[in-house]
Amino acid sequence: ELMDRLSDELLKEGDVNRALRELFRNGMQNRDGQQMTGLRELMERLKEQRRQQLQQHNMDSVVEDLKEKLEEIIRAEREGIDRRVSEAGDQVGQNPDGSPASEEDREQQESLLKLLEGRAQRNKEKLDNLPDGLGGQIQELMEYDFMDPEAQRLFQELLDSLKNQMAQNMGQQMQ
């Protein structure tokens, strides 16, 4: 089949080298109708595979970066919860100026501390029960009521960063 095709190309082109070049570039169709891949198509396939691998590698690094940032946010929130509960516990029985609080104020402070501890426990449970996937975690944290302002700031920065990346990707695709 190859020799038949080469002879056809040779008759058409009049030059053996040129005929071989054309066969290698464009491939040929055998008698069964199957297309044999030419070099041009092989090169395109290789370019596409390389592009996909580079894109996959790039996406892997983006996902790893997101995981690290989410872990940092969750760690900051947990530490903030513990710190806030501890500070509130230390202040029970004291007035803002450091003097001993009255019995009524002390009872009110203990009641508020119990509310704070309850909220802290619920928030820790929510953090413990976050979904495994990044998308689910981000969605849950968007609806989560942060107790630590630093963790909330870090999460907002992460969301802003994701929005900017999406806008850039859309802009590149539109170009």
N, C-alpha and C. Protein backbone atom coordinates (compact mmCIF):
# COMPACT_ATOMS: atom_id res chain seq x y z
N GLU A 1 0.83 -1.20 0.00
CA GLU A 1 0.00 0.00 0.00
C GLU A 1 0.87 1.26 0.00
N LEU A 2 1.92 1.16 0.78
CA LEU A 2 2.82 2.31 0.86
C LEU A 2 3.48 2.55 -0.49
N MET A 3 3.89 1.48 -1.13
CA MET A 3 4.55 1.63 -2.44
C MET A 3 3.57 2.15 -3.48
N ASP A 4 2.33 1.68 -3.43
CA ASP A 4 1.33 2.17 -4.37
C ASP A 4 1.12 3.67 -4.17
N ARG A 5 0.97 4.06 -2.92
CA ARG A 5 0.75 5.47 -2.61
C ARG A 5 1.97 6.31 -3.01
N LEU A 6 3.16 5.76 -2.74
CA LEU A 6 4.39 6.48 -3.11
C LEU A 6 4.48 6.64 -4.62
N SER A 7 4.11 5.62 -5.34
CA SER A 7 4.17 5.74 -6.81
C SER A 7 3.15 6.77 -7.29
N ASP A 8 1.96 6.82 -6.66
CA ASP A 8 0.97 7.83 -7.04
C ASP A 8 1.52 9.23 -6.77
N GLU A 9 2.12 9.41 -5.60
CA GLU A 9 2.68 10.72 -5.25
C GLU A 9 3.84 11.07 -6.17
N LEU A 10 4.63 10.07 -6.52
CA LEU A 10 5.77 10.30 -7.40
C LEU A 10 5.30 10.75 -8.77
N LEU A 11 4.26 10.13 -9.27
CA LEU A 11 3.71 10.54 -10.57
C LEU A 11 3.13 11.94 -10.49
N LYS A 12 2.50 12.26 -9.36
CA LYS A 12 1.89 13.57 -9.20
C LYS A 12 2.95 14.65 -8.98
N GLU A 13 3.94 14.37 -8.15
CA GLU A 13 4.93 15.38 -7.79
C GLU A 13 6.14 15.37 -8.74
N GLY A 14 6.52 14.18 -9.21
CA GLY A 14 7.66 14.10 -10.10
C GLY A 14 8.99 14.06 -9.36
N ASP A 15 8.97 14.02 -8.04
CA ASP A 15 10.21 14.03 -7.26
C ASP A 15 10.03 13.06 -6.09
N VAL A 16 10.95 12.10 -5.94
CA VAL A 16 10.85 11.09 -4.89
C VAL A 16 10.90 11.73 -3.50
N ASN A 17 11.85 12.63 -3.30
CA ASN A 17 11.97 13.27 -1.98
C ASN A 17 10.71 14.05 -1.62
N ARG A 18 10.21 14.77 -2.58
CA ARG A 18 8.99 15.57 -2.32
C ARG A 18 7.80 14.65 -2.04
N ALA A 19 7.71 13.55 -2.78
CA ALA A 19 6.61 12.59 -2.58
C ALA A 19 6.69 11.98 -1.18
N LEU A 20 7.90 11.60 -0.75
CA LEU A 20 8.08 11.05 0.60
C LEU A 20 7.73 12.08 1.67
N ARG A 21 8.18 13.30 1.46
CA ARG A 21 7.87 14.38 2.40
C ARG A 21 6.37 14.56 2.57
N GLU A 22 5.65 14.56 1.46
CA GLU A 22 4.19 14.73 1.51
C GLU A 22 3.52 13.57 2.24
N LEU A 23 4.00 12.34 1.97
CA LEU A 23 3.44 11.18 2.67
C LEU A 23 3.69 11.28 4.18
N PHE A 24 4.92 11.66 4.57
CA PHE A 24 5.23 11.79 5.99
C PHE A 24 4.42 12.90 6.64
N ARG A 25 4.26 14.00 5.96
CA ARG A 25 3.52 15.13 6.53
C ARG A 25 2.04 14.84 6.70
N ASN A 26 1.43 14.35 5.65
CA ASN A 26 -0.02 14.22 5.63
C ASN A 26 -0.53 12.82 5.92
N GLY A 27 0.35 11.83 5.95
CA GLY A 27 -0.11 10.46 6.14
C GLY A 27 -0.76 9.94 4.87
N MET A 28 -1.47 8.85 5.04
CA MET A 28 -2.15 8.30 3.87
C MET A 28 -3.30 7.41 4.33
N GLN A 29 -4.18 7.14 3.39
CA GLN A 29 -5.32 6.29 3.69
C GLN A 29 -5.06 4.93 3.04
N ASN A 30 -5.23 3.86 3.85
CA ASN A 30 -5.00 2.53 3.27
C ASN A 30 -6.24 2.05 2.54
N ARG A 31 -6.21 0.84 2.00
CA ARG A 31 -7.32 0.32 1.20
C ARG A 31 -8.59 0.11 2.02
N ASP A 32 -8.42 -0.11 3.33
CA ASP A 32 -9.58 -0.32 4.19
C ASP A 32 -10.23 1.00 4.61
N GLY A 33 -9.66 2.10 4.19
CA GLY A 33 -10.22 3.41 4.53
C GLY A 33 -9.69 4.00 5.82
N GLN A 34 -8.73 3.31 6.45
CA GLN A 34 -8.15 3.83 7.68
C GLN A 34 -7.07 4.84 7.35
N GLN A 35 -7.08 5.94 8.08
CA GLN A 35 -6.09 6.98 7.87
C GLN A 35 -4.85 6.67 8.68
N MET A 36 -3.72 6.63 8.03
CA MET A 36 -2.44 6.47 8.73
C MET A 36 -1.95 7.88 9.06
N THR A 37 -1.57 8.04 10.29
CA THR A 37 -1.21 9.36 10.78
C THR A 37 0.06 9.88 10.12
N GLY A 38 0.01 11.14 9.73
CA GLY A 38 1.19 11.81 9.19
C GLY A 38 1.93 12.54 10.30
N LEU A 39 3.10 13.02 9.98
CA LEU A 39 3.92 13.73 10.97
C LEU A 39 3.24 14.99 11.47
N ARG A 40 2.55 15.67 10.60
CA ARG A 40 1.87 16.90 11.00
C ARG A 40 0.85 16.63 12.11
N GLU A 41 0.06 15.58 11.93
CA GLU A 41 -0.94 15.23 12.94
C GLU A 41 -0.28 14.75 14.22
N LEU A 42 0.79 13.96 14.08
CA LEU A 42 1.52 13.51 15.27
C LEU A 42 2.08 14.69 16.05
N MET A 43 2.62 15.66 15.36
CA MET A 43 3.17 16.85 16.03
C MET A 43 2.06 17.61 16.75
N GLU A 44 0.90 17.72 16.12
CA GLU A 44 -0.23 18.40 16.77
C GLU A 44 -0.68 17.66 18.02
N ARG A 45 -0.72 16.33 17.93
CA ARG A 45 -1.08 15.53 19.10
C ARG A 45 -0.09 15.73 20.24
N LEU A 46 1.20 15.72 19.89
CA LEU A 46 2.23 15.92 20.91
C LEU A 46 2.12 17.30 21.55
N LYS A 47 1.86 18.30 20.74
CA LYS A 47 1.70 19.66 21.28
C LYS A 47 0.51 19.72 22.23
N GLU A 48 -0.58 19.08 21.87
CA GLU A 48 -1.78 19.07 22.70
C GLU A 48 -1.53 18.34 24.01
N GLN A 49 -0.86 17.19 23.92
CA GLN A 49 -0.55 16.45 25.15
C GLN A 49 0.37 17.25 26.06
N ARG A 50 1.33 17.92 25.48
CA ARG A 50 2.24 18.75 26.28
C ARG A 50 1.47 19.89 26.94
N ARG A 51 0.60 20.53 26.20
CA ARG A 51 -0.20 21.62 26.75
C ARG A 51 -1.06 21.12 27.91
N GLN A 52 -1.68 19.94 27.73
CA GLN A 52 -2.52 19.38 28.78
C GLN A 52 -1.70 19.04 30.02
N GLN A 53 -0.50 18.49 29.82
CA GLN A 53 0.34 18.16 30.97
C GLN A 53 0.77 19.41 31.71
N LEU A 54 1.15 20.44 30.97
CA LEU A 54 1.55 21.69 31.62
C LEU A 54 0.37 22.31 32.37
N GLN A 55 -0.79 22.26 31.76
CA GLN A 55 -1.98 22.81 32.40
C GLN A 55 -2.32 21.99 33.64
N GLN A 56 -2.21 20.67 33.56
CA GLN A 56 -2.49 19.81 34.71
C GLN A 56 -1.52 20.09 35.83
N HIS A 57 -0.24 20.24 35.49
CA HIS A 57 0.77 20.54 36.51
C HIS A 57 0.47 21.88 37.17
N ASN A 58 0.09 22.84 36.35
CA ASN A 58 -0.24 24.17 36.87
C ASN A 58 -1.47 24.08 37.79
N MET A 59 -2.48 23.31 37.39
CA MET A 59 -3.68 23.16 38.22
C MET A 59 -3.35 22.45 39.52
N ASP A 60 -2.44 21.46 39.47
CA ASP A 60 -2.04 20.77 40.69
C ASP A 60 -1.42 21.73 41.68
N SER A 61 -0.57 22.64 41.18
CA SER A 61 0.07 23.59 42.09
C SER A 61 -0.95 24.57 42.64
N VAL A 62 -1.94 24.96 41.85
CA VAL A 62 -2.99 25.85 42.33
C VAL A 62 -3.82 25.16 43.41
N VAL A 63 -4.16 23.90 43.20
CA VAL A 63 -4.94 23.15 44.18
C VAL A 63 -4.16 22.99 45.47
N GLU A 64 -2.87 22.66 45.37
CA GLU A 64 -2.05 22.52 46.58
C GLU A 64 -1.97 23.84 47.33
N ASP A 65 -1.83 24.93 46.60
CA ASP A 65 -1.77 26.25 47.24
C ASP A 65 -3.09 26.56 47.96
N LEU A 66 -4.20 26.23 47.32
CA LEU A 66 -5.51 26.44 47.95
C LEU A 66 -5.65 25.61 49.22
N LYS A 67 -5.22 24.35 49.16
CA LYS A 67 -5.30 23.48 50.33
C LYS A 67 -4.51 24.08 51.49
N GLU A 68 -3.29 24.54 51.20
CA GLU A 68 -2.46 25.13 52.25
C GLU A 68 -3.11 26.37 52.86
N LYS A 69 -3.67 27.21 52.00
CA LYS A 69 -4.30 28.44 52.51
C LYS A 69 -5.53 28.11 53.35
N LEU A 70 -6.32 27.15 52.92
CA LEU A 70 -7.50 26.76 53.70
C LEU A 70 -7.09 26.16 55.05
N GLU A 71 -6.04 25.35 55.05
CA GLU A 71 -5.55 24.79 56.32
C GLU A 71 -5.09 25.90 57.25
N GLU A 72 -4.42 26.90 56.70
CA GLU A 72 -3.96 28.03 57.51
C GLU A 72 -5.15 28.81 58.08
N ILE A 73 -6.18 29.00 57.28
CA ILE A 73 -7.38 29.72 57.74
C ILE A 73 -8.06 28.93 58.86
N ILE A 74 -8.21 27.64 58.68
CA ILE A 74 -8.88 26.81 59.68
C ILE A 74 -8.06 26.78 60.97
N ARG A 75 -6.74 26.67 60.83
CA ARG A 75 -5.87 26.69 62.01
C ARG A 75 -5.98 28.03 62.75
N ALA A 76 -5.97 29.13 62.00
CA ALA A 76 -6.10 30.45 62.62
C ALA A 76 -7.45 30.59 63.33
N GLU A 77 -8.51 30.06 62.73
CA GLU A 77 -9.84 30.14 63.35
C GLU A 77 -9.88 29.33 64.64
N ARG A 78 -9.33 28.14 64.61
CA ARG A 78 -9.31 27.31 65.83
C ARG A 78 -8.53 27.99 66.96
N GLU A 79 -7.37 28.53 66.61
CA GLU A 79 -6.57 29.22 67.62
C GLU A 79 -7.30 30.46 68.13
N GLY A 80 -7.96 31.17 67.24
CA GLY A 80 -8.72 32.36 67.63
C GLY A 80 -9.88 32.02 68.55
N ILE A 81 -10.56 30.91 68.27
CA ILE A 81 -11.66 30.47 69.14
C ILE A 81 -11.14 30.18 70.53
N ASP A 82 -10.06 29.39 70.60
CA ASP A 82 -9.49 29.04 71.90
C ASP A 82 -9.03 30.28 72.66
N ARG A 83 -8.39 31.19 71.96
CA ARG A 83 -7.90 32.42 72.58
C ARG A 83 -9.06 33.26 73.12
N ARG A 84 -10.09 33.37 72.32
CA ARG A 84 -11.24 34.20 72.73
C ARG A 84 -11.94 33.61 73.96
N VAL A 85 -12.13 32.31 73.98
CA VAL A 85 -12.76 31.65 75.13
C VAL A 85 -11.87 31.80 76.36
N SER A 86 -10.58 31.62 76.19
CA SER A 86 -9.65 31.75 77.31
C SER A 86 -9.65 33.17 77.89
N GLU A 87 -9.61 34.16 77.01
CA GLU A 87 -9.62 35.55 77.46
C GLU A 87 -10.93 35.87 78.19
N ALA A 88 -12.04 35.37 77.68
CA ALA A 88 -13.33 35.61 78.33
C ALA A 88 -13.37 34.93 79.69
N GLY A 89 -12.81 33.73 79.79
CA GLY A 89 -12.77 33.03 81.07
C GLY A 89 -11.92 33.76 82.09
N ASP A 90 -10.82 34.36 81.63
CA ASP A 90 -9.95 35.12 82.54
C ASP A 90 -10.62 36.38 83.06
N GLN A 91 -11.56 36.92 82.31
CA GLN A 91 -12.21 38.18 82.69
C GLN A 91 -13.43 37.97 83.59
N VAL A 92 -13.89 36.73 83.73
CA VAL A 92 -15.05 36.46 84.58
C VAL A 92 -14.69 36.83 86.02
N GLY A 93 -15.56 37.59 86.65
CA GLY A 93 -15.35 38.01 88.03
C GLY A 93 -14.60 39.32 88.17
N GLN A 94 -14.29 39.95 87.04
CA GLN A 94 -13.57 41.22 87.09
C GLN A 94 -14.34 42.27 86.30
N ASN A 95 -14.20 43.49 86.77
CA ASN A 95 -14.70 44.63 86.02
C ASN A 95 -13.66 44.99 84.97
N PRO A 96 -14.04 45.81 83.99
CA PRO A 96 -13.06 46.20 82.95
C PRO A 96 -11.81 46.86 83.53
N ASP A 97 -11.93 47.50 84.68
CA ASP A 97 -10.76 48.15 85.28
C ASP A 97 -9.91 47.17 86.10
N GLY A 98 -10.32 45.90 86.20
CA GLY A 98 -9.55 44.90 86.93
C GLY A 98 -10.02 44.68 88.35
N SER A 99 -10.92 45.49 88.82
CA SER A 99 -11.43 45.32 90.18
C SER A 99 -12.44 44.16 90.21
N PRO A 100 -12.66 43.56 91.39
CA PRO A 100 -13.61 42.44 91.48
C PRO A 100 -15.03 42.89 91.11
N ALA A 101 -15.73 42.03 90.38
CA ALA A 101 -17.09 42.33 89.93
C ALA A 101 -18.08 41.96 91.03
N SER A 102 -19.24 42.60 90.99
CA SER A 102 -20.29 42.25 91.94
C SER A 102 -20.83 40.87 91.60
N GLU A 103 -21.57 40.28 92.55
CA GLU A 103 -22.11 38.94 92.35
C GLU A 103 -23.03 38.90 91.12
N GLU A 104 -23.83 39.92 90.94
CA GLU A 104 -24.76 40.00 89.79
C GLU A 104 -23.97 40.08 88.49
N ASP A 105 -22.92 40.91 88.45
CA ASP A 105 -22.09 41.04 87.25
C ASP A 105 -21.35 39.72 86.96
N ARG A 106 -20.90 39.09 88.03
CA ARG A 106 -20.19 37.81 87.87
C ARG A 106 -21.11 36.75 87.26
N GLU A 107 -22.35 36.67 87.73
CA GLU A 107 -23.31 35.70 87.19
C GLU A 107 -23.60 36.01 85.72
N GLN A 108 -23.73 37.28 85.40
CA GLN A 108 -23.98 37.67 84.01
C GLN A 108 -22.78 37.30 83.14
N GLN A 109 -21.57 37.53 83.64
CA GLN A 109 -20.36 37.19 82.89
C GLN A 109 -20.26 35.68 82.69
N GLU A 110 -20.60 34.91 83.71
CA GLU A 110 -20.56 33.45 83.58
C GLU A 110 -21.59 32.97 82.56
N SER A 111 -22.74 33.61 82.54
CA SER A 111 -23.79 33.26 81.57
C SER A 111 -23.30 33.57 80.15
N LEU A 112 -22.68 34.73 79.99
CA LEU A 112 -22.14 35.10 78.67
C LEU A 112 -21.00 34.15 78.26
N LEU A 113 -20.18 33.76 79.24
CA LEU A 113 -19.09 32.83 78.95
C LEU A 113 -19.65 31.49 78.46
N LYS A 114 -20.73 31.02 79.08
CA LYS A 114 -21.34 29.76 78.65
C LYS A 114 -21.88 29.87 77.22
N LEU A 115 -22.48 31.02 76.90
CA LEU A 115 -22.96 31.24 75.53
C LEU A 115 -21.79 31.22 74.55
N LEU A 116 -20.72 31.90 74.94
CA LEU A 116 -19.53 31.94 74.08
C LEU A 116 -18.94 30.55 73.91
N GLU A 117 -18.86 29.78 74.99
CA GLU A 117 -18.34 28.42 74.90
C GLU A 117 -19.22 27.54 74.02
N GLY A 118 -20.53 27.73 74.11
CA GLY A 118 -21.45 26.98 73.24
C GLY A 118 -21.23 27.32 71.78
N ARG A 119 -21.09 28.60 71.49
CA ARG A 119 -20.84 29.02 70.10
C ARG A 119 -19.49 28.47 69.63
N ALA A 120 -18.50 28.54 70.50
CA ALA A 120 -17.17 28.04 70.14
C ALA A 120 -17.24 26.55 69.82
N GLN A 121 -17.97 25.80 70.61
CA GLN A 121 -18.11 24.36 70.38
C GLN A 121 -18.81 24.08 69.04
N ARG A 122 -19.88 24.83 68.76
CA ARG A 122 -20.59 24.65 67.47
C ARG A 122 -19.68 24.98 66.30
N ASN A 123 -18.91 26.05 66.43
CA ASN A 123 -18.01 26.43 65.34
C ASN A 123 -16.92 25.38 65.13
N LYS A 124 -16.38 24.83 66.21
CA LYS A 124 -15.36 23.78 66.07
C LYS A 124 -15.96 22.54 65.41
N GLU A 125 -17.19 22.22 65.75
CA GLU A 125 -17.85 21.07 65.10
C GLU A 125 -18.04 21.32 63.61
N LYS A 126 -18.41 22.55 63.26
CA LYS A 126 -18.54 22.87 61.83
C LYS A 126 -17.20 22.73 61.12
N LEU A 127 -16.14 23.18 61.77
CA LEU A 127 -14.80 23.06 61.17
C LEU A 127 -14.40 21.58 61.05
N ASP A 128 -14.77 20.78 62.05
CA ASP A 128 -14.45 19.35 62.01
C ASP A 128 -15.22 18.63 60.91
N ASN A 129 -16.40 19.12 60.58
CA ASN A 129 -17.28 18.44 59.63
C ASN A 129 -17.28 19.08 58.24
N LEU A 130 -16.23 19.83 57.92
CA LEU A 130 -16.14 20.40 56.58
C LEU A 130 -16.01 19.27 55.56
N PRO A 131 -16.58 19.44 54.36
CA PRO A 131 -16.46 18.40 53.32
C PRO A 131 -14.99 18.18 52.94
N ASP A 132 -14.73 17.07 52.29
CA ASP A 132 -13.37 16.74 51.88
C ASP A 132 -12.89 17.61 50.72
N GLY A 133 -13.77 17.92 49.78
CA GLY A 133 -13.37 18.67 48.59
C GLY A 133 -13.17 20.14 48.86
N LEU A 134 -12.25 20.75 48.08
CA LEU A 134 -11.96 22.17 48.25
C LEU A 134 -13.18 23.04 47.98
N GLY A 135 -13.92 22.71 46.94
CA GLY A 135 -15.10 23.50 46.61
C GLY A 135 -16.12 23.50 47.73
N GLY A 136 -16.36 22.33 48.30
CA GLY A 136 -17.30 22.21 49.41
C GLY A 136 -16.82 22.95 50.64
N GLN A 137 -15.51 22.88 50.91
CA GLN A 137 -14.96 23.59 52.06
C GLN A 137 -15.11 25.10 51.89
N ILE A 138 -14.81 25.58 50.71
CA ILE A 138 -14.93 27.02 50.47
C ILE A 138 -16.38 27.45 50.60
N GLN A 139 -17.30 26.66 50.03
CA GLN A 139 -18.73 26.98 50.12
C GLN A 139 -19.18 27.02 51.57
N GLU A 140 -18.79 26.04 52.37
CA GLU A 140 -19.18 26.00 53.78
C GLU A 140 -18.59 27.19 54.54
N LEU A 141 -17.33 27.52 54.25
CA LEU A 141 -16.70 28.65 54.95
C LEU A 141 -17.31 29.99 54.53
N MET A 142 -17.90 30.04 53.35
CA MET A 142 -18.57 31.28 52.92
C MET A 142 -19.80 31.54 53.79
N GLU A 143 -20.40 30.48 54.29
CA GLU A 143 -21.59 30.60 55.13
C GLU A 143 -21.25 30.52 56.63
N TYR A 144 -19.98 30.34 56.95
CA TYR A 144 -19.52 30.16 58.32
C TYR A 144 -19.38 31.51 59.01
N ASP A 145 -19.71 31.57 60.29
CA ASP A 145 -19.60 32.79 61.08
C ASP A 145 -18.28 32.76 61.85
N PHE A 146 -17.26 33.39 61.31
CA PHE A 146 -15.93 33.38 61.91
C PHE A 146 -15.94 34.07 63.28
N MET A 147 -15.19 33.51 64.21
CA MET A 147 -15.01 34.12 65.52
C MET A 147 -13.70 34.89 65.59
N ASP A 148 -12.73 34.51 64.75
CA ASP A 148 -11.43 35.16 64.74
C ASP A 148 -11.34 36.11 63.55
N PRO A 149 -11.13 37.41 63.82
CA PRO A 149 -11.08 38.38 62.71
C PRO A 149 -9.93 38.12 61.73
N GLU A 150 -8.80 37.61 62.23
CA GLU A 150 -7.67 37.33 61.34
C GLU A 150 -8.00 36.20 60.38
N ALA A 151 -8.63 35.16 60.86
CA ALA A 151 -9.03 34.05 59.99
C ALA A 151 -10.05 34.54 58.95
N GLN A 152 -10.96 35.39 59.36
CA GLN A 152 -11.95 35.93 58.43
C GLN A 152 -11.27 36.78 57.37
N ARG A 153 -10.27 37.58 57.77
CA ARG A 153 -9.54 38.41 56.81
C ARG A 153 -8.79 37.52 55.81
N LEU A 154 -8.13 36.47 56.31
CA LEU A 154 -7.41 35.55 55.42
C LEU A 154 -8.36 34.87 54.43
N PHE A 155 -9.53 34.49 54.90
CA PHE A 155 -10.50 33.83 54.02
C PHE A 155 -11.01 34.81 52.96
N GLN A 156 -11.25 36.04 53.35
CA GLN A 156 -11.71 37.05 52.38
C GLN A 156 -10.63 37.31 51.33
N GLU A 157 -9.37 37.34 51.75
CA GLU A 157 -8.27 37.51 50.79
C GLU A 157 -8.23 36.34 49.81
N LEU A 158 -8.45 35.14 50.32
CA LEU A 158 -8.48 33.96 49.46
C LEU A 158 -9.61 34.07 48.43
N LEU A 159 -10.79 34.47 48.89
CA LEU A 159 -11.92 34.63 47.96
C LEU A 159 -11.62 35.70 46.91
N ASP A 160 -11.04 36.82 47.34
CA ASP A 160 -10.70 37.89 46.40
C ASP A 160 -9.67 37.40 45.38
N SER A 161 -8.71 36.61 45.85
CA SER A 161 -7.69 36.07 44.95
C SER A 161 -8.33 35.13 43.92
N LEU A 162 -9.25 34.28 44.37
CA LEU A 162 -9.93 33.37 43.44
C LEU A 162 -10.76 34.14 42.42
N LYS A 163 -11.44 35.18 42.87
CA LYS A 163 -12.24 35.99 41.94
C LYS A 163 -11.34 36.66 40.90
N ASN A 164 -10.19 37.17 41.33
CA ASN A 164 -9.26 37.81 40.39
C ASN A 164 -8.73 36.81 39.38
N GLN A 165 -8.38 35.60 39.85
CA GLN A 165 -7.88 34.57 38.94
C GLN A 165 -8.95 34.19 37.91
N MET A 166 -10.18 34.08 38.36
CA MET A 166 -11.28 33.72 37.43
C MET A 166 -11.47 34.83 36.41
N ALA A 167 -11.41 36.07 36.86
CA ALA A 167 -11.57 37.20 35.93
C ALA A 167 -10.44 37.21 34.91
N GLN A 168 -9.21 36.94 35.34
CA GLN A 168 -8.09 36.90 34.42
C GLN A 168 -8.26 35.76 33.41
N ASN A 169 -8.67 34.59 33.90
CA ASN A 169 -8.87 33.45 32.99
C ASN A 169 -9.94 33.76 31.97
N MET A 170 -11.03 34.38 32.41
CA MET A 170 -12.10 34.72 31.46
C MET A 170 -11.60 35.74 30.44
N GLY A 171 -10.81 36.70 30.91
CA GLY A 171 -10.26 37.69 29.99
C GLY A 171 -9.34 37.06 28.96
N GLN A 172 -8.51 36.11 29.40
CA GLN A 172 -7.62 35.43 28.48
C GLN A 172 -8.41 34.59 27.48
N GLN A 173 -9.47 33.94 27.95
CA GLN A 173 -10.27 33.13 27.04
C GLN A 173 -10.98 34.01 26.02
N MET A 174 -11.42 35.18 26.45
CA MET A 174 -12.11 36.08 25.52
C MET A 174 -11.14 36.60 24.47
N GLN A 175 -9.89 36.84 24.87
CA GLN A 175 -8.88 37.29 23.89
C GLN A 175 -8.64 36.20 22.87
